[in-house]
Structures are given as structure tokens and as C-alpha cells.
């Protein structure tokens, strides 16, 4: 019987000491998707990318329009060309189509690489902002991704967004 009382006493001590430590722990949660979506830095990064790639995009569009015009002309005037001349124009058209496809693929790949670079920079800036807030407000733990539920009491997403907006 004394052994059973001792086990219950130990269980209560462990349970009580764990709840005391948990009460002292300051935890914060940041909604990663909301911060990424609403941060002004993301908007600025996307604007930079748009400016950086707009000339290439317009050049490709111009080439596509020119190719369509050439295609339409070949279809319309194809009957008046000699067989050799028609084959030459068709080969040139196919070659131009390949060139445009290659340019579009390079454009997409370059844009994707640059977008990923910008997003990595943004993620680093967000992580630094979260760390700064955690140190300033003495948080013991900040959870950034992989949270299924967090009460408003521990959610510091708005603090992070306000800090990012002020930068």
C-alpha cells in the first residue's frame, strides 16, 4: 500500500512540475502562408521581377506575332509560290517556331530561377524579423510552419507583418 502511495505521489509531483514549467514557457505561432502572401516585400520582389523580364517577354510576343503573320501569309499566298519556294518558306517557318519555343523555355526557366532567388531572400528576411521579435519580446519558442491550430493568444503573425511593413 505504501508503495502505491509513493507511485501516486511521484506521478503528482511529475505532473505538477511539468505544468509549472509549461506555464512559464512563452510560445508564439506565425502563419507562414499569410506572412508570405501579405508582406510588402513580396509585392516589391514581384514588381522587380516584372520589370526585369518585361523586355524579354515583349520581344518574345513580338516574335510570336511576326511568326503568325508569316504563317498566315504562307497559307494565303502559298498557291502562288513555286514548290521549292514554298518548301523553303515552310522550313524557315518551322525553324522560327523552334527558336521561339526555345526562347520561351529559356524565359520560363530564367524567371523561375529568379523568382526562387527572390523568395529565398524574402524567407530569410521573414526569419530574421521573427527572430528579432522573439528576442525582443522574450519568446521561448516560435513555430513558423506545420501548425494545424494555434489560438489567437499565441499567434504573432500580425506583429511579424507590421514589422515587415515598417522595414
N, C-alpha and C. Protein backbone atom coordinates (compact mmCIF):
# COMPACT_ATOMS: atom_id res chain seq x y z
N UNK A 1 0.83 -1.19 0.00
CA UNK A 1 0.00 0.00 0.00
C UNK A 1 0.87 1.26 0.00
N UNK A 2 1.97 1.24 0.81
CA UNK A 2 2.88 2.39 0.84
C UNK A 2 3.56 2.60 -0.51
N UNK A 3 3.84 1.48 -1.16
CA UNK A 3 4.47 1.58 -2.48
C UNK A 3 3.52 2.26 -3.47
N UNK A 4 2.26 1.96 -3.40
CA UNK A 4 1.26 2.55 -4.29
C UNK A 4 1.12 4.04 -4.01
N UNK A 5 1.13 4.43 -2.75
CA UNK A 5 1.05 5.85 -2.40
C UNK A 5 2.26 6.60 -2.93
N UNK A 6 3.42 5.96 -2.82
CA UNK A 6 4.65 6.58 -3.31
C UNK A 6 4.58 6.80 -4.83
N UNK A 7 4.07 5.82 -5.57
CA UNK A 7 3.94 5.94 -7.04
C UNK A 7 2.98 7.09 -7.38
N UNK A 8 1.85 7.15 -6.65
CA UNK A 8 0.89 8.24 -6.91
C UNK A 8 1.52 9.60 -6.56
N UNK A 9 2.25 9.66 -5.50
CA UNK A 9 2.91 10.90 -5.11
C UNK A 9 3.92 11.32 -6.18
N UNK A 10 4.69 10.39 -6.68
CA UNK A 10 5.66 10.70 -7.74
C UNK A 10 4.94 11.17 -9.00
N UNK A 11 3.86 10.51 -9.35
CA UNK A 11 3.09 10.90 -10.55
C UNK A 11 2.57 12.32 -10.39
N UNK A 12 2.03 12.66 -9.22
CA UNK A 12 1.52 14.02 -8.99
C UNK A 12 2.65 15.06 -9.03
N UNK A 13 3.79 14.71 -8.47
CA UNK A 13 4.92 15.65 -8.49
C UNK A 13 5.37 15.89 -9.93
N UNK A 14 5.48 14.83 -10.72
CA UNK A 14 5.89 14.98 -12.12
C UNK A 14 4.85 15.78 -12.89
N UNK A 15 3.59 15.45 -12.71
CA UNK A 15 2.51 16.16 -13.39
C UNK A 15 2.49 17.63 -12.99
N UNK A 16 2.63 17.92 -11.71
CA UNK A 16 2.60 19.29 -11.23
C UNK A 16 3.81 20.07 -11.72
N UNK A 17 4.99 19.46 -11.67
CA UNK A 17 6.20 20.17 -12.10
C UNK A 17 6.17 20.45 -13.60
N UNK A 18 5.61 19.55 -14.40
CA UNK A 18 5.50 19.76 -15.84
C UNK A 18 4.56 20.92 -16.13
N UNK A 19 3.46 21.01 -15.44
CA UNK A 19 2.51 22.09 -15.70
C UNK A 19 3.09 23.43 -15.25
N UNK A 20 3.90 23.45 -14.22
CA UNK A 20 4.52 24.69 -13.79
C UNK A 20 5.51 25.16 -14.84
N UNK A 21 6.32 24.26 -15.38
CA UNK A 21 7.28 24.63 -16.42
C UNK A 21 6.56 25.07 -17.69
N UNK A 22 5.49 24.41 -18.05
CA UNK A 22 4.75 24.76 -19.26
C UNK A 22 4.14 26.14 -19.13
N UNK A 23 3.72 26.51 -17.93
CA UNK A 23 3.11 27.82 -17.74
C UNK A 23 4.15 28.93 -17.92
N UNK A 24 5.40 28.64 -17.67
CA UNK A 24 6.45 29.64 -17.79
C UNK A 24 6.96 29.77 -19.23
N UNK A 25 6.65 28.83 -20.08
CA UNK A 25 7.11 28.81 -21.45
C UNK A 25 6.28 29.78 -22.29
N UNK A 26 6.95 30.71 -22.97
CA UNK A 26 6.25 31.67 -23.83
C UNK A 26 6.39 31.19 -25.27
N UNK A 27 5.26 30.85 -25.88
CA UNK A 27 5.24 30.27 -27.22
C UNK A 27 4.51 31.21 -28.17
N UNK A 28 5.02 31.33 -29.39
CA UNK A 28 4.36 32.11 -30.42
C UNK A 28 4.24 31.30 -31.69
N UNK A 29 3.22 31.62 -32.48
CA UNK A 29 2.99 30.92 -33.74
C UNK A 29 2.86 31.96 -34.84
N UNK A 30 3.48 31.69 -35.99
CA UNK A 30 3.40 32.58 -37.14
C UNK A 30 2.81 31.79 -38.31
N UNK A 31 1.79 32.36 -38.93
CA UNK A 31 1.17 31.75 -40.10
C UNK A 31 2.06 32.05 -41.31
N UNK A 32 2.82 31.06 -41.74
CA UNK A 32 3.80 31.25 -42.81
C UNK A 32 3.14 31.69 -44.11
N UNK A 33 2.04 31.07 -44.47
CA UNK A 33 1.37 31.41 -45.73
C UNK A 33 0.88 32.86 -45.72
N UNK A 34 0.31 33.30 -44.62
CA UNK A 34 -0.20 34.68 -44.53
C UNK A 34 0.94 35.69 -44.61
N UNK A 35 2.03 35.41 -43.93
CA UNK A 35 3.17 36.34 -43.96
C UNK A 35 3.74 36.43 -45.37
N UNK A 36 3.92 35.30 -46.03
CA UNK A 36 4.47 35.31 -47.39
C UNK A 36 3.53 36.04 -48.34
N UNK A 37 2.24 35.82 -48.19
CA UNK A 37 1.28 36.41 -49.11
C UNK A 37 1.07 37.91 -48.88
N UNK A 38 1.08 38.35 -47.64
CA UNK A 38 0.72 39.72 -47.31
C UNK A 38 1.91 40.67 -47.12
N UNK A 39 3.11 40.16 -47.17
CA UNK A 39 4.25 41.03 -46.91
C UNK A 39 4.48 41.98 -48.09
N UNK A 40 4.77 43.24 -47.79
CA UNK A 40 5.04 44.20 -48.87
C UNK A 40 6.33 43.86 -49.62
N UNK A 41 7.23 43.14 -48.98
CA UNK A 41 8.48 42.74 -49.64
C UNK A 41 8.20 41.81 -50.82
N UNK A 42 7.18 40.95 -50.69
CA UNK A 42 6.83 40.05 -51.79
C UNK A 42 6.33 40.86 -52.97
N UNK A 43 5.48 41.85 -52.71
CA UNK A 43 4.96 42.70 -53.78
C UNK A 43 6.10 43.42 -54.49
N UNK A 44 7.03 43.95 -53.72
CA UNK A 44 8.17 44.65 -54.32
C UNK A 44 9.03 43.69 -55.14
N UNK A 45 9.23 42.48 -54.64
CA UNK A 45 10.04 41.49 -55.36
C UNK A 45 9.37 41.12 -56.69
N UNK A 46 8.07 40.93 -56.66
CA UNK A 46 7.36 40.58 -57.89
C UNK A 46 7.40 41.73 -58.90
N UNK A 47 7.33 42.96 -58.40
CA UNK A 47 7.43 44.13 -59.28
C UNK A 47 8.81 44.20 -59.92
N UNK A 48 9.86 43.94 -59.13
CA UNK A 48 11.22 43.92 -59.66
C UNK A 48 11.36 42.87 -60.76
N UNK A 49 10.80 41.69 -60.51
CA UNK A 49 10.88 40.62 -61.50
C UNK A 49 10.14 41.00 -62.78
N UNK A 50 9.00 41.62 -62.61
CA UNK A 50 8.22 42.03 -63.77
C UNK A 50 9.00 43.03 -64.62
N UNK A 51 9.64 44.00 -63.97
CA UNK A 51 10.45 44.98 -64.70
C UNK A 51 11.64 44.30 -65.36
N UNK A 52 12.28 43.40 -64.63
CA UNK A 52 13.47 42.73 -65.13
C UNK A 52 13.18 41.89 -66.38
N UNK A 53 12.01 41.26 -66.42
CA UNK A 53 11.71 40.33 -67.50
C UNK A 53 10.73 40.88 -68.54
N UNK A 54 10.27 42.10 -68.37
CA UNK A 54 9.27 42.63 -69.30
C UNK A 54 9.81 42.79 -70.72
N UNK A 55 11.06 43.23 -70.87
CA UNK A 55 11.60 43.42 -72.22
C UNK A 55 11.72 42.08 -72.96
N UNK A 56 12.14 41.05 -72.25
CA UNK A 56 12.23 39.72 -72.89
C UNK A 56 10.85 39.20 -73.26
N UNK A 57 9.90 39.43 -72.38
CA UNK A 57 8.54 38.98 -72.64
C UNK A 57 7.96 39.67 -73.87
N UNK A 58 8.19 40.98 -73.96
CA UNK A 58 7.69 41.73 -75.12
C UNK A 58 8.38 41.30 -76.40
N UNK A 59 9.68 41.02 -76.33
CA UNK A 59 10.42 40.57 -77.50
C UNK A 59 9.88 39.23 -78.01
N UNK A 60 9.57 38.33 -77.07
CA UNK A 60 9.02 37.03 -77.46
C UNK A 60 7.64 37.22 -78.07
N UNK A 61 6.81 38.08 -77.46
CA UNK A 61 5.48 38.34 -78.01
C UNK A 61 5.57 38.90 -79.43
N UNK A 62 6.52 39.80 -79.66
CA UNK A 62 6.71 40.38 -80.98
C UNK A 62 7.09 39.30 -81.99
N UNK A 63 7.97 38.39 -81.61
CA UNK A 63 8.38 37.31 -82.50
C UNK A 63 7.23 36.36 -82.79
N UNK A 64 6.40 36.10 -81.78
CA UNK A 64 5.24 35.22 -81.98
C UNK A 64 4.27 35.87 -82.97
N UNK A 65 4.02 37.17 -82.82
CA UNK A 65 3.11 37.86 -83.75
C UNK A 65 3.68 37.84 -85.16
N UNK A 66 4.97 38.07 -85.29
CA UNK A 66 5.62 38.05 -86.60
C UNK A 66 5.50 36.66 -87.22
N UNK A 67 5.69 35.62 -86.43
CA UNK A 67 5.56 34.25 -86.91
C UNK A 67 4.14 33.97 -87.39
N UNK A 68 3.16 34.42 -86.63
CA UNK A 68 1.76 34.23 -87.03
C UNK A 68 1.47 34.93 -88.36
N UNK A 69 1.99 36.13 -88.49
CA UNK A 69 1.79 36.89 -89.73
C UNK A 69 2.42 36.14 -90.90
N UNK A 70 3.62 35.62 -90.69
CA UNK A 70 4.31 34.86 -91.74
C UNK A 70 3.52 33.59 -92.08
N UNK A 71 3.00 32.93 -91.05
CA UNK A 71 2.20 31.72 -91.26
C UNK A 71 0.96 32.04 -92.08
N UNK A 72 0.25 33.09 -91.69
CA UNK A 72 -0.96 33.48 -92.40
C UNK A 72 -0.66 33.84 -93.85
N UNK A 73 0.46 34.53 -94.05
CA UNK A 73 0.86 34.91 -95.41
C UNK A 73 1.17 33.66 -96.24
N UNK A 74 1.84 32.69 -95.65
CA UNK A 74 2.16 31.46 -96.34
C UNK A 74 0.88 30.70 -96.71
N UNK A 75 -0.07 30.67 -95.80
CA UNK A 75 -1.34 29.98 -96.07
C UNK A 75 -2.09 30.71 -97.20
N UNK A 76 -2.11 32.03 -97.11
CA UNK A 76 -2.86 32.84 -98.08
C UNK A 76 -2.20 32.83 -99.46
N UNK A 77 -0.89 33.02 -99.49
CA UNK A 77 -0.17 33.16 -100.75
C UNK A 77 0.55 31.88 -101.17
N UNK A 78 0.33 30.79 -100.48
CA UNK A 78 1.05 29.55 -100.75
C UNK A 78 0.85 29.03 -102.15
N UNK A 79 -0.30 29.26 -102.73
CA UNK A 79 -0.61 28.72 -104.05
C UNK A 79 0.22 29.41 -105.14
N UNK A 80 0.63 30.65 -104.91
CA UNK A 80 1.37 31.38 -105.96
C UNK A 80 2.88 31.13 -105.92
N UNK A 81 3.35 30.50 -104.84
CA UNK A 81 4.78 30.20 -104.74
C UNK A 81 5.10 28.92 -105.51
N UNK A 82 6.34 28.84 -105.97
CA UNK A 82 6.79 27.59 -106.59
C UNK A 82 6.95 26.55 -105.48
N UNK A 83 7.07 25.30 -105.88
CA UNK A 83 7.21 24.21 -104.90
C UNK A 83 8.47 24.43 -104.05
N UNK A 84 9.57 24.76 -104.69
CA UNK A 84 10.82 24.98 -103.97
C UNK A 84 10.71 26.17 -103.01
N UNK A 85 10.11 27.25 -103.50
CA UNK A 85 9.98 28.45 -102.68
C UNK A 85 9.07 28.18 -101.48
N UNK A 86 8.01 27.43 -101.70
CA UNK A 86 7.08 27.08 -100.61
C UNK A 86 7.79 26.21 -99.57
N UNK A 87 8.55 25.22 -99.99
CA UNK A 87 9.29 24.36 -99.06
C UNK A 87 10.29 25.16 -98.25
N UNK A 88 10.98 26.10 -98.91
CA UNK A 88 11.96 26.94 -98.22
C UNK A 88 11.27 27.78 -97.15
N UNK A 89 10.13 28.37 -97.49
CA UNK A 89 9.39 29.20 -96.53
C UNK A 89 8.85 28.35 -95.37
N UNK A 90 8.41 27.13 -95.68
CA UNK A 90 7.92 26.24 -94.63
C UNK A 90 9.04 25.84 -93.68
N UNK A 91 10.23 25.54 -94.24
CA UNK A 91 11.38 25.20 -93.40
C UNK A 91 11.78 26.38 -92.51
N UNK A 92 11.78 27.56 -93.09
CA UNK A 92 12.10 28.76 -92.32
C UNK A 92 11.08 28.96 -91.20
N UNK A 93 9.82 28.72 -91.51
CA UNK A 93 8.76 28.86 -90.52
C UNK A 93 8.95 27.86 -89.38
N UNK A 94 9.26 26.62 -89.70
CA UNK A 94 9.48 25.59 -88.67
C UNK A 94 10.70 25.95 -87.82
N UNK A 95 11.73 26.42 -88.46
CA UNK A 95 12.94 26.83 -87.73
C UNK A 95 12.64 28.00 -86.78
N UNK A 96 11.86 28.97 -87.27
CA UNK A 96 11.48 30.10 -86.42
C UNK A 96 10.61 29.65 -85.24
N UNK A 97 9.74 28.67 -85.49
CA UNK A 97 8.89 28.13 -84.41
C UNK A 97 9.77 27.49 -83.34
N UNK A 98 10.78 26.74 -83.75
CA UNK A 98 11.69 26.11 -82.79
C UNK A 98 12.45 27.16 -81.98
N UNK A 99 12.91 28.20 -82.67
CA UNK A 99 13.64 29.28 -81.99
C UNK A 99 12.76 29.96 -80.94
N UNK A 100 11.51 30.22 -81.32
CA UNK A 100 10.60 30.87 -80.37
C UNK A 100 10.31 29.95 -79.20
N UNK A 101 10.12 28.68 -79.46
CA UNK A 101 9.88 27.72 -78.37
C UNK A 101 11.07 27.69 -77.42
N UNK A 102 12.29 27.68 -77.98
CA UNK A 102 13.50 27.69 -77.16
C UNK A 102 13.57 28.97 -76.33
N UNK A 103 13.27 30.11 -76.94
CA UNK A 103 13.28 31.39 -76.21
C UNK A 103 12.26 31.39 -75.08
N UNK A 104 11.07 30.84 -75.35
CA UNK A 104 10.03 30.77 -74.32
C UNK A 104 10.46 29.87 -73.17
N UNK A 105 11.08 28.75 -73.50
CA UNK A 105 11.55 27.83 -72.46
C UNK A 105 12.64 28.48 -71.60
N UNK A 106 13.59 29.15 -72.25
CA UNK A 106 14.66 29.84 -71.52
C UNK A 106 14.07 30.94 -70.64
N UNK A 107 13.12 31.66 -71.17
CA UNK A 107 12.47 32.73 -70.42
C UNK A 107 11.80 32.16 -69.16
N UNK A 108 11.04 31.10 -69.35
CA UNK A 108 10.34 30.48 -68.21
C UNK A 108 11.32 29.97 -67.16
N UNK A 109 12.39 29.34 -67.61
CA UNK A 109 13.39 28.81 -66.68
C UNK A 109 14.09 29.94 -65.92
N UNK A 110 14.50 30.99 -66.64
CA UNK A 110 15.17 32.13 -66.00
C UNK A 110 14.24 32.82 -65.01
N UNK A 111 12.99 32.99 -65.39
CA UNK A 111 12.01 33.62 -64.49
C UNK A 111 11.81 32.78 -63.24
N UNK A 112 11.73 31.50 -63.41
CA UNK A 112 11.55 30.59 -62.26
C UNK A 112 12.75 30.66 -61.32
N UNK A 113 13.94 30.67 -61.88
CA UNK A 113 15.16 30.75 -61.06
C UNK A 113 15.18 32.05 -60.28
N UNK A 114 14.90 33.16 -60.95
CA UNK A 114 14.91 34.47 -60.29
C UNK A 114 13.81 34.56 -59.24
N UNK A 115 12.63 34.02 -59.52
CA UNK A 115 11.53 34.04 -58.55
C UNK A 115 11.94 33.27 -57.29
N UNK A 116 12.57 32.12 -57.49
CA UNK A 116 13.03 31.33 -56.34
C UNK A 116 14.09 32.07 -55.54
N UNK A 117 15.00 32.77 -56.23
CA UNK A 117 16.01 33.57 -55.53
C UNK A 117 15.34 34.65 -54.68
N UNK A 118 14.38 35.34 -55.26
CA UNK A 118 13.68 36.40 -54.53
C UNK A 118 12.91 35.84 -53.34
N UNK A 119 12.27 34.69 -53.53
CA UNK A 119 11.52 34.08 -52.42
C UNK A 119 12.45 33.62 -51.30
N UNK A 120 13.63 33.11 -51.65
CA UNK A 120 14.59 32.73 -50.61
C UNK A 120 15.04 33.95 -49.82
N UNK A 121 15.29 35.07 -50.52
CA UNK A 121 15.65 36.31 -49.82
C UNK A 121 14.53 36.73 -48.87
N UNK A 122 13.31 36.65 -49.36
CA UNK A 122 12.15 37.02 -48.54
C UNK A 122 12.03 36.10 -47.33
N UNK A 123 12.22 34.81 -47.52
CA UNK A 123 12.15 33.87 -46.40
C UNK A 123 13.20 34.19 -45.34
N UNK A 124 14.41 34.55 -45.80
CA UNK A 124 15.47 34.93 -44.84
C UNK A 124 15.08 36.19 -44.09
N UNK A 125 14.52 37.16 -44.78
CA UNK A 125 14.11 38.40 -44.14
C UNK A 125 12.98 38.16 -43.13
N UNK A 126 12.05 37.30 -43.49
CA UNK A 126 10.95 36.96 -42.57
C UNK A 126 11.51 36.24 -41.36
N UNK A 127 12.43 35.29 -41.57
CA UNK A 127 13.02 34.56 -40.44
C UNK A 127 13.76 35.51 -39.50
N UNK A 128 14.48 36.47 -40.06
CA UNK A 128 15.19 37.45 -39.24
C UNK A 128 14.20 38.30 -38.45
N UNK A 129 13.12 38.72 -39.09
CA UNK A 129 12.11 39.53 -38.41
C UNK A 129 11.48 38.74 -37.27
N UNK A 130 11.16 37.48 -37.51
CA UNK A 130 10.57 36.64 -36.47
C UNK A 130 11.54 36.47 -35.32
N UNK A 131 12.81 36.23 -35.63
CA UNK A 131 13.83 36.08 -34.59
C UNK A 131 13.97 37.36 -33.78
N UNK A 132 13.98 38.51 -34.45
CA UNK A 132 14.08 39.79 -33.75
C UNK A 132 12.92 40.00 -32.79
N UNK A 133 11.70 39.70 -33.25
CA UNK A 133 10.52 39.83 -32.39
C UNK A 133 10.61 38.86 -31.22
N UNK A 134 11.04 37.63 -31.49
CA UNK A 134 11.15 36.62 -30.42
C UNK A 134 12.14 37.06 -29.35
N UNK A 135 13.27 37.61 -29.77
CA UNK A 135 14.26 38.06 -28.79
C UNK A 135 13.78 39.29 -28.04
N UNK A 136 13.18 40.23 -28.76
CA UNK A 136 12.71 41.46 -28.15
C UNK A 136 11.60 41.20 -27.13
N UNK A 137 10.69 40.29 -27.45
CA UNK A 137 9.55 40.02 -26.57
C UNK A 137 9.76 38.78 -25.71
N UNK A 138 10.98 38.24 -25.73
CA UNK A 138 11.38 37.12 -24.87
C UNK A 138 10.53 35.86 -25.04
N UNK A 139 10.34 35.46 -26.29
CA UNK A 139 9.65 34.19 -26.56
C UNK A 139 10.65 33.05 -26.38
N UNK A 140 10.15 31.93 -25.87
CA UNK A 140 10.97 30.74 -25.72
C UNK A 140 10.92 29.88 -26.98
N UNK A 141 9.80 29.94 -27.69
CA UNK A 141 9.61 29.09 -28.86
C UNK A 141 8.69 29.80 -29.84
N UNK A 142 9.10 29.84 -31.11
CA UNK A 142 8.25 30.35 -32.18
C UNK A 142 8.10 29.23 -33.20
N UNK A 143 6.87 28.90 -33.53
CA UNK A 143 6.58 27.87 -34.53
C UNK A 143 6.15 28.59 -35.80
N UNK A 144 6.83 28.29 -36.92
CA UNK A 144 6.60 29.04 -38.15
C UNK A 144 5.83 28.23 -39.18
N UNK A 145 6.14 26.98 -39.37
CA UNK A 145 5.45 26.17 -40.37
C UNK A 145 5.00 24.87 -39.74
N UNK A 146 3.97 24.29 -40.33
CA UNK A 146 3.50 22.99 -39.87
C UNK A 146 2.56 23.05 -38.69
N UNK A 147 1.85 24.17 -38.51
CA UNK A 147 0.92 24.29 -37.39
C UNK A 147 -0.48 23.99 -37.89
N UNK A 148 -1.16 23.11 -37.20
CA UNK A 148 -2.53 22.79 -37.57
C UNK A 148 -3.50 23.76 -36.90
N UNK A 149 -3.25 24.07 -35.64
CA UNK A 149 -4.10 25.01 -34.91
C UNK A 149 -3.27 25.80 -33.92
N UNK A 150 -3.61 27.08 -33.80
CA UNK A 150 -2.99 27.93 -32.78
C UNK A 150 -4.03 28.97 -32.36
N UNK A 151 -4.15 29.18 -31.07
CA UNK A 151 -5.10 30.18 -30.59
C UNK A 151 -4.56 31.58 -30.88
N UNK A 152 -5.44 32.56 -30.83
CA UNK A 152 -5.03 33.95 -31.07
C UNK A 152 -4.03 34.42 -30.02
N UNK A 153 -4.07 33.80 -28.86
CA UNK A 153 -3.18 34.18 -27.76
C UNK A 153 -1.71 34.00 -28.14
N UNK A 154 -1.40 32.96 -28.93
CA UNK A 154 0.00 32.69 -29.28
C UNK A 154 0.33 33.10 -30.71
N UNK A 155 -0.66 33.52 -31.50
CA UNK A 155 -0.43 33.88 -32.91
C UNK A 155 0.18 35.28 -33.00
N UNK A 156 1.41 35.36 -33.51
CA UNK A 156 2.09 36.66 -33.63
C UNK A 156 2.26 37.06 -35.10
N UNK A 157 1.45 36.46 -35.97
CA UNK A 157 1.54 36.75 -37.41
C UNK A 157 1.40 38.25 -37.68
N UNK A 158 0.43 38.89 -37.05
CA UNK A 158 0.22 40.33 -37.29
C UNK A 158 1.41 41.17 -36.83
N UNK A 159 2.04 40.77 -35.76
CA UNK A 159 3.24 41.50 -35.30
C UNK A 159 4.35 41.40 -36.35
N UNK A 160 4.50 40.21 -36.91
CA UNK A 160 5.54 40.00 -37.94
C UNK A 160 5.22 40.84 -39.17
N UNK A 161 3.96 40.83 -39.58
CA UNK A 161 3.58 41.62 -40.77
C UNK A 161 3.77 43.11 -40.54
N UNK A 162 3.41 43.59 -39.34
CA UNK A 162 3.61 45.01 -39.03
C UNK A 162 5.10 45.36 -39.06
N UNK A 163 5.91 44.48 -38.52
CA UNK A 163 7.36 44.73 -38.52
C UNK A 163 7.90 44.74 -39.95
N UNK A 164 7.44 43.82 -40.78
CA UNK A 164 7.89 43.77 -42.18
C UNK A 164 7.43 45.03 -42.94
N UNK A 165 6.23 45.48 -42.66
CA UNK A 165 5.72 46.68 -43.33
C UNK A 165 6.49 47.93 -42.94
N UNK A 166 7.04 47.93 -41.75
CA UNK A 166 7.78 49.12 -41.29
C UNK A 166 9.21 49.12 -41.81
N UNK A 167 9.65 48.05 -42.40
CA UNK A 167 11.04 47.97 -42.90
C UNK A 167 11.18 48.61 -44.26
